[in-house]
Amino acid sequence: MGLGLRKISQRKVKRANEYSHIDWLKLYKKYCDNTVAINIDKDQRQLELRRLFKLPLSKLVFKLKNRSPF
């Protein structure tokens, strides 16, 4: 297909809310082919650790900003 990212769009560190290739493989394994072997690297482990802390905090901040007054 020739799809790709422009050089300016590529990041050294993935955002916590972006899917990585390994995330896609996990979904593929779950829904399509449970025999797929997935090697989780150091970068993926760091991303998952950031998600563990960042996403609940982001959710809390959103709730606090958007709560309705009594």
PDB file of N, CA and C in Angstrom:
ATOM      1  N   MET A   1       0.808  -1.190   0.000  1.00  0.00           N
ATOM      2  CA  MET A   1       0.000   0.000   0.000  1.00  0.00           C
ATOM      3  C   MET A   1       0.855   1.258   0.000  1.00  0.00           C
ATOM      4  N   GLY A   2       2.047   1.177   0.544  1.00  0.00           N
ATOM      5  CA  GLY A   2       2.906   2.353   0.563  1.00  0.00           C
ATOM      6  C   GLY A   2       2.610   3.337   1.671  1.00  0.00           C
ATOM      7  N   LEU A   3       1.930   2.888   2.721  1.00  0.00           N
ATOM      8  CA  LEU A   3       1.622   3.791   3.823  1.00  0.00           C
ATOM      9  C   LEU A   3       2.845   4.005   4.697  1.00  0.00           C
ATOM     10  N   GLY A   4       2.945   5.158   5.277  1.00  0.00           N
ATOM     11  CA  GLY A   4       4.052   5.442   6.176  1.00  0.00           C
ATOM     12  C   GLY A   4       3.869   6.788   6.831  1.00  0.00           C
ATOM     13  N   LEU A   5       4.785   7.119   7.702  1.00  0.00           N
ATOM     14  CA  LEU A   5       4.743   8.405   8.380  1.00  0.00           C
ATOM     15  C   LEU A   5       5.776   9.349   7.778  1.00  0.00           C
ATOM     16  N   ARG A   6       5.427  10.617   7.766  1.00  0.00           N
ATOM     17  CA  ARG A   6       6.421  11.603   7.389  1.00  0.00           C
ATOM     18  C   ARG A   6       7.457  11.668   8.501  1.00  0.00           C
ATOM     19  N   LYS A   7       8.653  12.020   8.161  1.00  0.00           N
ATOM     20  CA  LYS A   7       9.732  12.090   9.147  1.00  0.00           C
ATOM     21  C   LYS A   7       9.355  12.988  10.325  1.00  0.00           C
ATOM     22  N   ILE A   8       8.677  14.085  10.054  1.00  0.00           N
ATOM     23  CA  ILE A   8       8.305  15.024  11.112  1.00  0.00           C
ATOM     24  C   ILE A   8       7.272  14.423  12.077  1.00  0.00           C
ATOM     25  N   SER A   9       6.503  13.416  11.613  1.00  0.00           N
ATOM     26  CA  SER A   9       5.460  12.814  12.445  1.00  0.00           C
ATOM     27  C   SER A   9       5.983  11.691  13.330  1.00  0.00           C
ATOM     28  N   GLN A  10       7.187  11.244  13.094  1.00  0.00           N
ATOM     29  CA  GLN A  10       7.725  10.129  13.871  1.00  0.00           C
ATOM     30  C   GLN A  10       8.267  10.637  15.198  1.00  0.00           C
ATOM     31  N   ARG A  11       7.910   9.928  16.259  1.00  0.00           N
ATOM     32  CA  ARG A  11       8.357  10.300  17.603  1.00  0.00           C
ATOM     33  C   ARG A  11       9.341   9.262  18.111  1.00  0.00           C
ATOM     34  N   LYS A  12      10.227   9.704  18.978  1.00  0.00           N
ATOM     35  CA  LYS A  12      11.146   8.752  19.602  1.00  0.00           C
ATOM     36  C   LYS A  12      10.418   7.949  20.669  1.00  0.00           C
ATOM     37  N   VAL A  13       9.457   8.595  21.341  1.00  0.00           N
ATOM     38  CA  VAL A  13       8.698   7.941  22.405  1.00  0.00           C
ATOM     39  C   VAL A  13       7.216   7.999  22.032  1.00  0.00           C
ATOM     40  N   LYS A  14       6.555   6.855  22.086  1.00  0.00           N
ATOM     41  CA  LYS A  14       5.123   6.819  21.778  1.00  0.00           C
ATOM     42  C   LYS A  14       4.319   7.465  22.892  1.00  0.00           C
ATOM     43  N   ARG A  15       3.221   8.107  22.509  1.00  0.00           N
ATOM     44  CA  ARG A  15       2.299   8.627  23.511  1.00  0.00           C
ATOM     45  C   ARG A  15       1.577   7.458  24.165  1.00  0.00           C
ATOM     46  N   ALA A  16       1.134   7.675  25.388  1.00  0.00           N
ATOM     47  CA  ALA A  16       0.475   6.598  26.136  1.00  0.00           C
ATOM     48  C   ALA A  16      -0.833   6.173  25.494  1.00  0.00           C
ATOM     49  N   ASN A  17      -1.481   7.058  24.745  1.00  0.00           N
ATOM     50  CA  ASN A  17      -2.774   6.717  24.159  1.00  0.00           C
ATOM     51  C   ASN A  17      -2.676   6.263  22.699  1.00  0.00           C
ATOM     52  N   GLU A  18      -1.485   6.028  22.194  1.00  0.00           N
ATOM     53  CA  GLU A  18      -1.297   5.544  20.835  1.00  0.00           C
ATOM     54  C   GLU A  18      -1.055   4.040  20.837  1.00  0.00           C
ATOM     55  N   TYR A  19      -1.552   3.374  19.802  1.00  0.00           N
ATOM     56  CA  TYR A  19      -1.293   1.947  19.662  1.00  0.00           C
ATOM     57  C   TYR A  19       0.089   1.732  19.071  1.00  0.00           C
ATOM     58  N   SER A  20       0.789   0.770  19.609  1.00  0.00           N
ATOM     59  CA  SER A  20       2.067   0.362  19.037  1.00  0.00           C
ATOM     60  C   SER A  20       1.829  -0.869  18.170  1.00  0.00           C
ATOM     61  N   HIS A  21       2.852  -1.269  17.469  1.00  0.00           N
ATOM     62  CA  HIS A  21       2.749  -2.481  16.645  1.00  0.00           C
ATOM     63  C   HIS A  21       2.461  -3.695  17.534  1.00  0.00           C
ATOM     64  N   ILE A  22       3.069  -3.730  18.687  1.00  0.00           N
ATOM     65  CA  ILE A  22       2.856  -4.853  19.608  1.00  0.00           C
ATOM     66  C   ILE A  22       1.422  -4.853  20.130  1.00  0.00           C
ATOM     67  N   ASP A  23       0.851  -3.676  20.376  1.00  0.00           N
ATOM     68  CA  ASP A  23      -0.560  -3.596  20.773  1.00  0.00           C
ATOM     69  C   ASP A  23      -1.437  -4.211  19.682  1.00  0.00           C
ATOM     70  N   TRP A  24      -1.135  -3.861  18.439  1.00  0.00           N
ATOM     71  CA  TRP A  24      -1.898  -4.413  17.313  1.00  0.00           C
ATOM     72  C   TRP A  24      -1.743  -5.926  17.254  1.00  0.00           C
ATOM     73  N   LEU A  25      -0.523  -6.417  17.481  1.00  0.00           N
ATOM     74  CA  LEU A  25      -0.294  -7.867  17.465  1.00  0.00           C
ATOM     75  C   LEU A  25      -1.087  -8.569  18.570  1.00  0.00           C
ATOM     76  N   LYS A  26      -1.165  -7.947  19.735  1.00  0.00           N
ATOM     77  CA  LYS A  26      -1.940  -8.536  20.837  1.00  0.00           C
ATOM     78  C   LYS A  26      -3.413  -8.652  20.457  1.00  0.00           C
ATOM     79  N   LEU A  27      -3.947  -7.613  19.820  1.00  0.00           N
ATOM     80  CA  LEU A  27      -5.339  -7.670  19.370  1.00  0.00           C
ATOM     81  C   LEU A  27      -5.518  -8.732  18.287  1.00  0.00           C
ATOM     82  N   TYR A  28      -4.575  -8.800  17.371  1.00  0.00           N
ATOM     83  CA  TYR A  28      -4.632  -9.807  16.304  1.00  0.00           C
ATOM     84  C   TYR A  28      -4.619 -11.210  16.905  1.00  0.00           C
ATOM     85  N   LYS A  29      -3.751 -11.410  17.884  1.00  0.00           N
ATOM     86  CA  LYS A  29      -3.664 -12.710  18.542  1.00  0.00           C
ATOM     87  C   LYS A  29      -4.971 -13.051  19.256  1.00  0.00           C
ATOM     88  N   LYS A  30      -5.561 -12.074  19.929  1.00  0.00           N
ATOM     89  CA  LYS A  30      -6.792 -12.297  20.679  1.00  0.00           C
ATOM     90  C   LYS A  30      -7.968 -12.640  19.766  1.00  0.00           C
ATOM     91  N   TYR A  31      -8.097 -11.915  18.651  1.00  0.00           N
ATOM     92  CA  TYR A  31      -9.293 -12.053  17.824  1.00  0.00           C
ATOM     93  C   TYR A  31      -9.108 -12.870  16.546  1.00  0.00           C
ATOM     94  N   CYS A  32      -7.882 -13.085  16.112  1.00  0.00           N
ATOM     95  CA  CYS A  32      -7.691 -13.741  14.817  1.00  0.00           C
ATOM     96  C   CYS A  32      -6.885 -15.034  14.885  1.00  0.00           C
ATOM     97  N   ASP A  33      -5.746 -15.002  15.552  1.00  0.00           N
ATOM     98  CA  ASP A  33      -4.840 -16.158  15.511  1.00  0.00           C
ATOM     99  C   ASP A  33      -4.088 -16.245  16.827  1.00  0.00           C
ATOM    100  N   ASN A  34      -4.558 -17.116  17.711  1.00  0.00           N
ATOM    101  CA  ASN A  34      -3.940 -17.197  19.040  1.00  0.00           C
ATOM    102  C   ASN A  34      -2.588 -17.908  19.046  1.00  0.00           C
ATOM    103  N   THR A  35      -2.081 -18.299  17.885  1.00  0.00           N
ATOM    104  CA  THR A  35      -0.771 -18.954  17.829  1.00  0.00           C
ATOM    105  C   THR A  35       0.360 -17.965  17.528  1.00  0.00           C
ATOM    106  N   VAL A  36       0.034 -16.712  17.302  1.00  0.00           N
ATOM    107  CA  VAL A  36       1.049 -15.699  16.980  1.00  0.00           C
ATOM    108  C   VAL A  36       1.953 -15.485  18.188  1.00  0.00           C
ATOM    109  N   ALA A  37       3.264 -15.537  17.948  1.00  0.00           N
ATOM    110  CA  ALA A  37       4.232 -15.280  19.014  1.00  0.00           C
ATOM    111  C   ALA A  37       4.524 -13.782  19.062  1.00  0.00           C
ATOM    112  N   ILE A  38       4.514 -13.228  20.267  1.00  0.00           N
ATOM    113  CA  ILE A  38       4.753 -11.793  20.434  1.00  0.00           C
ATOM    114  C   ILE A  38       5.949 -11.612  21.364  1.00  0.00           C
ATOM    115  N   ASN A  39       6.951 -10.901  20.872  1.00  0.00           N
ATOM    116  CA  ASN A  39       8.119 -10.584  21.686  1.00  0.00           C
ATOM    117  C   ASN A  39       7.977  -9.150  22.176  1.00  0.00           C
ATOM    118  N   ILE A  40       7.806  -8.993  23.476  1.00  0.00           N
ATOM    119  CA  ILE A  40       7.638  -7.665  24.059  1.00  0.00           C
ATOM    120  C   ILE A  40       9.014  -7.115  24.414  1.00  0.00           C
ATOM    121  N   ASP A  41       9.340  -5.970  23.833  1.00  0.00           N
ATOM    122  CA  ASP A  41      10.649  -5.367  24.044  1.00  0.00           C
ATOM    123  C   ASP A  41      10.617  -4.329  25.171  1.00  0.00           C
ATOM    124  N   LYS A  42      11.779  -3.770  25.435  1.00  0.00           N
ATOM    125  CA  LYS A  42      11.914  -2.797  26.523  1.00  0.00           C
ATOM    126  C   LYS A  42      11.039  -1.565  26.288  1.00  0.00           C
ATOM    127  N   ASP A  43      10.980  -1.090  25.053  1.00  0.00           N
ATOM    128  CA  ASP A  43      10.171   0.090  24.746  1.00  0.00           C
ATOM    129  C   ASP A  43       8.689  -0.158  25.017  1.00  0.00           C
ATOM    130  N   GLN A  44       8.207  -1.345  24.676  1.00  0.00           N
ATOM    131  CA  GLN A  44       6.804  -1.678  24.927  1.00  0.00           C
ATOM    132  C   GLN A  44       6.525  -1.759  26.422  1.00  0.00           C
ATOM    133  N   ARG A  45       7.446  -2.320  27.173  1.00  0.00           N
ATOM    134  CA  ARG A  45       7.267  -2.390  28.639  1.00  0.00           C
ATOM    135  C   ARG A  45       7.212  -0.987  29.246  1.00  0.00           C
ATOM    136  N   GLN A  46       8.058  -0.087  28.768  1.00  0.00           N
ATOM    137  CA  GLN A  46       8.037   1.290  29.265  1.00  0.00           C
ATOM    138  C   GLN A  46       6.722   1.977  28.901  1.00  0.00           C
ATOM    139  N   LEU A  47       6.235   1.738  27.692  1.00  0.00           N
ATOM    140  CA  LEU A  47       4.963   2.305  27.258  1.00  0.00           C
ATOM    141  C   LEU A  47       3.825   1.805  28.138  1.00  0.00           C
ATOM    142  N   GLU A  48       3.803   0.515  28.423  1.00  0.00           N
ATOM    143  CA  GLU A  48       2.749  -0.049  29.265  1.00  0.00           C
ATOM    144  C   GLU A  48       2.823   0.493  30.686  1.00  0.00           C
ATOM    145  N   LEU A  49       4.024   0.715  31.183  1.00  0.00           N
ATOM    146  CA  LEU A  49       4.191   1.291  32.520  1.00  0.00           C
ATOM    147  C   LEU A  49       3.688   2.737  32.558  1.00  0.00           C
ATOM    148  N   ARG A  50       4.004   3.525  31.517  1.00  0.00           N
ATOM    149  CA  ARG A  50       3.491   4.896  31.437  1.00  0.00           C
ATOM    150  C   ARG A  50       1.974   4.899  31.390  1.00  0.00           C
ATOM    151  N   ARG A  51       1.394   3.969  30.630  1.00  0.00           N
ATOM    152  CA  ARG A  51      -0.067   3.883  30.540  1.00  0.00           C
ATOM    153  C   ARG A  51      -0.679   3.580  31.898  1.00  0.00           C
ATOM    154  N   LEU A  52      -0.026   2.739  32.658  1.00  0.00           N
ATOM    155  CA  LEU A  52      -0.524   2.347  33.971  1.00  0.00           C
ATOM    156  C   LEU A  52      -0.723   3.559  34.875  1.00  0.00           C
ATOM    157  N   PHE A  53       0.154   4.553  34.757  1.00  0.00           N
ATOM    158  CA  PHE A  53       0.066   5.734  35.601  1.00  0.00           C
ATOM    159  C   PHE A  53      -0.617   6.912  34.915  1.00  0.00           C
ATOM    160  N   LYS A  54      -0.305   7.143  33.657  1.00  0.00           N
ATOM    161  CA  LYS A  54      -0.778   8.345  32.976  1.00  0.00           C
ATOM    162  C   LYS A  54      -2.273   8.314  32.679  1.00  0.00           C
ATOM    163  N   LEU A  55      -2.793   7.217  32.198  1.00  0.00           N
ATOM    164  CA  LEU A  55      -4.189   7.184  31.782  1.00  0.00           C
ATOM    165  C   LEU A  55      -5.165   7.392  32.938  1.00  0.00           C
ATOM    166  N   PRO A  56      -4.985   6.754  34.098  1.00  0.00           N
ATOM    167  CA  PRO A  56      -5.896   7.054  35.218  1.00  0.00           C
ATOM    168  C   PRO A  56      -5.798   8.510  35.679  1.00  0.00           C
ATOM    169  N   LEU A  57      -4.602   9.082  35.647  1.00  0.00           N
ATOM    170  CA  LEU A  57      -4.454  10.481  36.029  1.00  0.00           C
ATOM    171  C   LEU A  57      -5.147  11.394  35.025  1.00  0.00           C
ATOM    172  N   SER A  58      -5.027  11.091  33.751  1.00  0.00           N
ATOM    173  CA  SER A  58      -5.699  11.884  32.720  1.00  0.00           C
ATOM    174  C   SER A  58      -7.210  11.816  32.887  1.00  0.00           C
ATOM    175  N   LYS A  59      -7.708  10.641  33.212  1.00  0.00           N
ATOM    176  CA  LYS A  59      -9.147  10.472  33.419  1.00  0.00           C
ATOM    177  C   LYS A  59      -9.624  11.306  34.612  1.00  0.00           C
ATOM    178  N   LEU A  60      -8.851  11.300  35.687  1.00  0.00           N
ATOM    179  CA  LEU A  60      -9.198  12.080  36.872  1.00  0.00           C
ATOM    180  C   LEU A  60      -9.205  13.579  36.558  1.00  0.00           C
ATOM    181  N   VAL A  61      -8.200  14.058  35.859  1.00  0.00           N
ATOM    182  CA  VAL A  61      -8.129  15.475  35.496  1.00  0.00           C
ATOM    183  C   VAL A  61      -9.325  15.845  34.626  1.00  0.00           C
ATOM    184  N   PHE A  62      -9.683  15.001  33.672  1.00  0.00           N
ATOM    185  CA  PHE A  62     -10.831  15.262  32.816  1.00  0.00           C
ATOM    186  C   PHE A  62     -12.115  15.367  33.641  1.00  0.00           C
ATOM    187  N   LYS A  63     -12.302  14.435  34.572  1.00  0.00           N
ATOM    188  CA  LYS A  63     -13.505  14.462  35.414  1.00  0.00           C
ATOM    189  C   LYS A  63     -13.565  15.731  36.257  1.00  0.00           C
ATOM    190  N   LEU A  64     -12.427  16.143  36.804  1.00  0.00           N
ATOM    191  CA  LEU A  64     -12.401  17.345  37.624  1.00  0.00           C
ATOM    192  C   LEU A  64     -12.688  18.593  36.802  1.00  0.00           C
ATOM    193  N   LYS A  65     -12.172  18.652  35.602  1.00  0.00           N
ATOM    194  CA  LYS A  65     -12.402  19.823  34.739  1.00  0.00           C
ATOM    195  C   LYS A  65     -13.829  19.891  34.234  1.00  0.00           C
ATOM    196  N   ASN A  66     -14.460  18.746  34.044  1.00  0.00           N
ATOM    197  CA  ASN A  66     -15.768  18.708  33.408  1.00  0.00           C
ATOM    198  C   ASN A  66     -16.918  18.350  34.353  1.00  0.00           C
ATOM    199  N   ARG A  67     -16.680  18.457  35.625  1.00  0.00           N
ATOM    200  CA  ARG A  67     -17.770  18.156  36.551  1.00  0.00           C
ATOM    201  C   ARG A  67     -18.796  19.282  36.534  1.00  0.00           C
ATOM    202  N   SER A  68     -20.003  18.897  36.738  1.00  0.00           N
ATOM    203  CA  SER A  68     -21.068  19.912  36.711  1.00  0.00           C
ATOM    204  C   SER A  68     -21.269  20.494  38.111  1.00  0.00           C
ATOM    205  N   PRO A  69     -21.491  21.779  38.192  1.00  0.00           N
ATOM    206  CA  PRO A  69     -21.717  22.414  39.506  1.00  0.00           C
ATOM    207  C   PRO A  69     -23.088  22.009  40.053  1.00  0.00           C
ATOM    208  N   PHE A  70     -23.182  21.995  41.346  1.00  0.00           N
ATOM    209  CA  PHE A  70     -24.437  21.574  41.995  1.00  0.00           C
ATOM    210  C   PHE A  70     -25.463  22.638  41.908  1.00  0.00           C
TER     211      PHE A  70
END
